[in-house]
């Protein structure tokens, strides 16, 4: 088995085990909304909105963000997604991550 096949097996195992816990997001759906380049990279909120996640209230957003970040961390670990830290330039100077697909995921 090559590296890509090993990653796919790991991905399926993790996806099945996460679904059994009832809190997983579909990795394919996340990859579908992520841009291909760093210049077009999206924040967690932009990814959630593109996926149509329910974020109408603060508690819904916190739950959706936690699930999304858990899935994004797995995708970063497997090399499918890259990220960078950015600082907000307007208003409060908080830090946030932006995400985009790597060559492996394209």
Protein backbone atom coordinates (compact mmCIF):
# COMPACT_ATOMS: atom_id res chain seq x y z
CA UNK A 1 0.00 0.00 0.00
CA UNK A 2 1.25 3.46 -0.76
CA UNK A 3 0.94 6.49 1.50
CA UNK A 4 -2.29 7.76 -0.06
CA UNK A 5 -3.97 4.37 0.38
CA UNK A 6 -2.82 4.25 4.02
CA UNK A 7 -4.24 7.72 4.60
CA UNK A 8 -7.56 6.73 3.05
CA UNK A 9 -7.78 3.66 5.32
CA UNK A 10 -6.99 5.79 8.39
CA UNK A 11 -9.52 8.38 7.26
CA UNK A 12 -12.28 5.78 6.87
CA UNK A 13 -11.51 4.19 10.25
CA UNK A 14 -11.56 7.58 11.98
CA UNK A 15 -14.70 8.65 10.15
CA UNK A 16 -16.55 5.45 11.16
CA UNK A 17 -15.40 5.71 14.79
CA UNK A 18 -16.33 9.41 14.89
CA UNK A 19 -19.77 8.74 13.45
CA UNK A 20 -20.37 6.18 16.16
CA UNK A 21 -19.78 8.96 18.69
CA UNK A 22 -22.36 11.07 16.83
CA UNK A 23 -20.33 14.27 16.55
CA UNK A 24 -18.29 13.96 13.35
CA UNK A 25 -18.40 16.12 10.29
CA UNK A 26 -17.97 14.64 6.85
CA UNK A 27 -14.35 15.15 5.78
CA UNK A 28 -15.36 15.13 2.12
CA UNK A 29 -17.81 17.97 2.73
CA UNK A 30 -15.08 20.02 4.39
CA UNK A 31 -12.66 19.41 1.52
CA UNK A 32 -15.38 20.37 -0.97
CA UNK A 33 -15.67 23.91 0.44
CA UNK A 34 -11.95 24.54 1.05
CA UNK A 35 -10.07 26.62 -1.54
CA UNK A 36 -7.02 25.30 -3.37
CA UNK A 37 -4.64 28.15 -2.54
CA UNK A 38 -3.47 30.04 0.51
CA UNK A 39 -4.56 33.33 -1.08
CA UNK A 40 -8.19 32.16 -1.02
CA UNK A 41 -7.97 30.39 2.37
CA UNK A 42 -11.02 30.43 4.65
CA UNK A 43 -11.48 30.88 8.38
CA UNK A 44 -13.43 28.42 10.50
CA UNK A 45 -16.52 30.65 10.37
CA UNK A 46 -16.34 30.93 6.58
CA UNK A 47 -16.00 27.15 6.25
CA UNK A 48 -18.99 26.59 8.54
CA UNK A 49 -21.11 29.05 6.56
CA UNK A 50 -20.10 27.46 3.24
CA UNK A 51 -21.10 24.05 4.61
CA UNK A 52 -24.44 25.39 5.83
CA UNK A 53 -23.85 24.48 9.48
CA UNK A 54 -26.41 25.77 11.97
CA UNK A 55 -24.83 28.78 13.68
CA UNK A 56 -27.86 30.90 14.52
CA UNK A 57 -27.12 31.07 18.25
CA UNK A 58 -23.87 31.31 20.16
CA UNK A 59 -24.15 27.80 21.61
CA UNK A 60 -24.85 26.37 18.12
CA UNK A 61 -21.74 28.13 16.84
CA UNK A 62 -19.58 26.80 19.68
CA UNK A 63 -20.76 23.23 19.04
CA UNK A 64 -20.31 23.51 15.27
CA UNK A 65 -16.88 25.12 15.64
CA UNK A 66 -15.65 22.39 17.99
CA UNK A 67 -16.75 19.64 15.60
CA UNK A 68 -15.31 21.49 12.62
CA UNK A 69 -11.96 22.15 14.31
CA UNK A 70 -11.72 18.48 15.37
CA UNK A 71 -12.22 17.40 11.75
CA UNK A 72 -9.81 20.06 10.41
CA UNK A 73 -7.10 18.94 12.86
CA UNK A 74 -7.42 15.38 11.55
CA UNK A 75 -7.19 16.60 7.95
CA UNK A 76 -4.10 18.69 8.83
CA UNK A 77 -2.53 15.69 10.57
CA UNK A 78 -3.07 13.52 7.48
CA UNK A 79 -1.64 16.20 5.19
CA UNK A 80 -4.86 16.96 3.28
CA UNK A 81 -5.21 20.50 4.63
CA UNK A 82 -2.72 23.25 5.49
CA UNK A 83 -3.27 26.18 7.84
CA UNK A 84 -1.74 29.43 8.94
CA UNK A 85 -2.37 31.83 11.82
CA UNK A 86 -3.54 35.35 10.99
CA UNK A 87 -4.29 38.37 13.11
CA UNK A 88 -7.42 40.41 12.54
CA UNK A 89 -6.52 43.86 11.21
CA UNK A 90 -9.88 45.56 11.83
CA UNK A 91 -11.32 45.98 15.32
CA UNK A 92 -10.02 43.58 17.97
CA UNK A 93 -6.61 42.13 17.16
CA UNK A 94 -7.56 38.48 17.78
CA UNK A 95 -5.75 35.56 16.13
CA UNK A 96 -7.49 32.99 13.94
CA UNK A 97 -6.53 30.12 11.63
CA UNK A 98 -7.13 29.96 7.90
CA UNK A 99 -7.30 26.67 6.01
CA UNK A 100 -6.81 25.48 2.43
CA UNK A 101 -6.29 22.17 0.59
CA UNK A 102 -2.83 20.75 -0.01
CA UNK A 103 -1.64 19.05 -3.20
CA UNK A 104 -2.62 15.64 -1.77
CA UNK A 105 -6.29 16.64 -1.53
CA UNK A 106 -6.57 18.21 -4.99
